[in-house]
C-alpha atoms as a PDB file:
ATOM      1  CA  MET A   1       3.634 -10.109   5.015  1.00  0.00           C
ATOM      2  CA  ILE A   2       1.837  -6.907   5.906  1.00  0.00           C
ATOM      3  CA  VAL A   3      -1.886  -6.722   5.167  1.00  0.00           C
ATOM      4  CA  VAL A   4      -3.234  -3.166   5.209  1.00  0.00           C
ATOM      5  CA  PHE A   5      -6.942  -2.532   5.791  1.00  0.00           C
ATOM      6  CA  ARG A   6      -8.935   0.677   5.530  1.00  0.00           C
ATOM      7  CA  ILE A   7     -11.881   1.182   7.838  1.00  0.00           C
ATOM      8  CA  ASN A   8     -15.462   2.190   7.046  1.00  0.00           C
ATOM      9  CA  SER A   9     -17.695   3.758   9.691  1.00  0.00           C
ATOM     10  CA  ILE A  10     -20.408   1.715  11.387  1.00  0.00           C
ATOM     11  CA  THR A  11     -23.804   3.387  11.729  1.00  0.00           C
ATOM     12  CA  GLU A  12     -26.029   3.084  14.803  1.00  0.00           C
ATOM     13  CA  ASN A  13     -27.999   0.283  13.117  1.00  0.00           C
ATOM     14  CA  GLY A  14     -24.810  -1.722  12.463  1.00  0.00           C
ATOM     15  CA  GLU A  15     -24.459  -0.960   8.752  1.00  0.00           C
ATOM     16  CA  THR A  16     -21.191   0.219   7.229  1.00  0.00           C
ATOM     17  CA  GLU A  17     -20.777   3.485   5.395  1.00  0.00           C
ATOM     18  CA  PRO A  18     -17.742   4.995   3.666  1.00  0.00           C
ATOM     19  CA  THR A  19     -15.329   6.980   5.811  1.00  0.00           C
ATOM     20  CA  TYR A  20     -14.341  10.387   4.473  1.00  0.00           C
ATOM     21  CA  TYR A  21     -11.099  10.079   2.422  1.00  0.00           C
ATOM     22  CA  SER A  22     -10.130   6.707   3.907  1.00  0.00           C
ATOM     23  CA  GLN A  23      -8.540   5.456   0.673  1.00  0.00           C
ATOM     24  CA  GLU A  24      -6.460   8.590   0.256  1.00  0.00           C
ATOM     25  CA  SER A  25      -5.313   8.568   3.890  1.00  0.00           C
ATOM     26  CA  VAL A  26      -4.395   4.887   3.837  1.00  0.00           C
ATOM     27  CA  GLY A  27      -2.599   5.327   0.503  1.00  0.00           C
ATOM     28  CA  ILE A  28      -0.443   8.118   1.947  1.00  0.00           C
ATOM     29  CA  ALA A  29       0.308   6.038   5.049  1.00  0.00           C
ATOM     30  CA  VAL A  30       1.315   3.053   2.884  1.00  0.00           C
ATOM     31  CA  GLY A  31       3.649   5.294   0.869  1.00  0.00           C
ATOM     32  CA  ILE A  32       5.362   6.472   4.059  1.00  0.00           C
ATOM     33  CA  LEU A  33       5.609   2.855   5.280  1.00  0.00           C
ATOM     34  CA  LEU A  34       7.188   1.749   1.978  1.00  0.00           C
ATOM     35  CA  ALA A  35       9.742   4.576   2.141  1.00  0.00           C
ATOM     36  CA  ALA A  36      10.634   3.660   5.742  1.00  0.00           C
ATOM     37  CA  LEU A  37      11.049  -0.033   4.872  1.00  0.00           C
ATOM     38  CA  HIS A  38      13.244   0.898   1.903  1.00  0.00           C
ATOM     39  CA  ASN A  39      15.423   3.080   4.157  1.00  0.00           C
ATOM     40  CA  MET A  40      15.841   0.058   6.456  1.00  0.00           C
ATOM     41  CA  GLY A  41      17.261  -1.943   3.542  1.00  0.00           C
ATOM     42  CA  LEU A  42      14.196  -4.131   3.128  1.00  0.00           C
ATOM     43  CA  ALA A  43      12.683  -5.127  -0.194  1.00  0.00           C
ATOM     44  CA  THR A  44       8.934  -4.682  -0.689  1.00  0.00           C
ATOM     45  CA  LEU A  45       6.271  -5.262  -3.278  1.00  0.00           C
ATOM     46  CA  THR A  46       2.695  -4.003  -3.316  1.00  0.00           C
ATOM     47  CA  HIS A  47       0.058  -6.501  -4.375  1.00  0.00           C
ATOM     48  CA  THR A  48      -3.671  -5.900  -4.736  1.00  0.00           C
ATOM     49  CA  PRO A  49      -5.359  -9.151  -5.726  1.00  0.00           C
ATOM     50  CA  SER A  50      -8.898  -8.888  -6.998  1.00  0.00           C
ATOM     51  CA  PRO A  51     -11.106  -9.666  -5.188  1.00  0.00           C
ATOM     52  CA  MET A  52      -9.491  -9.107  -1.764  1.00  0.00           C
ATOM     53  CA  LYS A  53     -12.503  -9.630   0.523  1.00  0.00           C
ATOM     54  CA  PHE A  54     -11.297 -13.198   1.247  1.00  0.00           C
ATOM     55  CA  LEU A  55      -8.704 -11.610   3.557  1.00  0.00           C
ATOM     56  CA  GLN A  56     -11.454 -10.465   5.922  1.00  0.00           C
ATOM     57  CA  GLU A  57     -12.543 -14.063   6.419  1.00  0.00           C
ATOM     58  CA  ILE A  58      -9.058 -15.597   6.581  1.00  0.00           C
ATOM     59  CA  LEU A  59      -7.840 -13.017   9.117  1.00  0.00           C
ATOM     60  CA  GLY A  60     -11.102 -12.815  11.071  1.00  0.00           C
ATOM     61  CA  ARG A  61     -11.634  -9.085  10.472  1.00  0.00           C
ATOM     62  CA  PRO A  62     -15.011  -7.348  10.867  1.00  0.00           C
ATOM     63  CA  LYS A  63     -17.032  -6.284   7.823  1.00  0.00           C
ATOM     64  CA  ASN A  64     -16.109  -2.618   8.233  1.00  0.00           C
ATOM     65  CA  GLU A  65     -12.390  -3.354   7.657  1.00  0.00           C
ATOM     66  CA  ILE A  66     -11.742  -3.430   3.921  1.00  0.00           C
ATOM     67  CA  PRO A  67      -8.483  -4.966   2.577  1.00  0.00           C
ATOM     68  CA  PHE A  68      -6.389  -2.310   0.834  1.00  0.00           C
ATOM     69  CA  VAL A  69      -3.016  -3.831  -0.084  1.00  0.00           C
ATOM     70  CA  LEU A  70      -0.697  -6.775   0.632  1.00  0.00           C
ATOM     71  CA  ILE A  71       2.972  -5.948   1.185  1.00  0.00           C
ATOM     72  CA  PRO A  72       5.486  -8.810   1.251  1.00  0.00           C
ATOM     73  CA  VAL A  73       8.605  -7.549   3.059  1.00  0.00           C
ATOM     74  CA  GLY A  74      12.045  -9.093   3.412  1.00  0.00           C
ATOM     75  CA  TYR A  75      15.749  -8.741   2.888  1.00  0.00           C
ATOM     76  CA  PRO A  76      16.908  -8.975  -0.738  1.00  0.00           C
ATOM     77  CA  ALA A  77      18.771 -12.122  -1.767  1.00  0.00           C
ATOM     78  CA  GLU A  78      22.559 -12.082  -1.561  1.00  0.00           C
ATOM     79  CA  GLY A  79      24.089 -10.708  -4.741  1.00  0.00           C
ATOM     80  CA  THR A  80      20.944  -8.886  -5.802  1.00  0.00           C
ATOM     81  CA  HIS A  81      21.829  -5.997  -8.101  1.00  0.00           C
ATOM     82  CA  VAL A  82      19.624  -2.942  -8.265  1.00  0.00           C
ATOM     83  CA  PRO A  83      20.332  -0.788 -11.309  1.00  0.00           C
ATOM     84  CA  ASP A  84      21.531   2.764 -10.677  1.00  0.00           C
ATOM     85  CA  ILE A  85      18.725   4.580 -12.453  1.00  0.00           C
ATOM     86  CA  THR A  86      19.193   8.312 -12.983  1.00  0.00           C
ATOM     87  CA  ARG A  87      16.609  10.930 -13.842  1.00  0.00           C
ATOM     88  CA  LYS A  88      16.526  12.529 -17.257  1.00  0.00           C
ATOM     89  CA  PRO A  89      17.637  16.147 -17.360  1.00  0.00           C
ATOM     90  CA  LEU A  90      14.742  18.578 -17.160  1.00  0.00           C
ATOM     91  CA  ASP A  91      15.473  19.859 -20.670  1.00  0.00           C
ATOM     92  CA  ASP A  92      14.807  16.355 -22.047  1.00  0.00           C
ATOM     93  CA  ILE A  93      11.268  16.197 -20.677  1.00  0.00           C
ATOM     94  CA  MET A  94      10.053  19.826 -20.577  1.00  0.00           C
ATOM     95  CA  ASN A  95       9.184  22.252 -23.356  1.00  0.00           C
ATOM     96  CA  ILE A  96       8.743  25.896 -22.453  1.00  0.00           C
ATOM     97  CA  VAL A  97       6.097  27.520 -24.616  1.00  0.00           C
END
């Protein structure tokens, strides 16, 4: 199980404030991680329970670390069949005006 957190800044008085584009940056990083895990032959699933703040307490994380996503990772079961999905031809989905 991978638990991904994003981080908020901490001000001089100890308060948290949003970090510039943290959600976007973490989202891109998670996408790259998922692609790498897939290339390794691992199966993944993204899960975002609501609320997720309980993870801070369970994992002993500071208040400026905000849970972003849970990613269970493992090898697929023997005999698992993944369908061979193909893309539609461009002409089926695009109209030139």
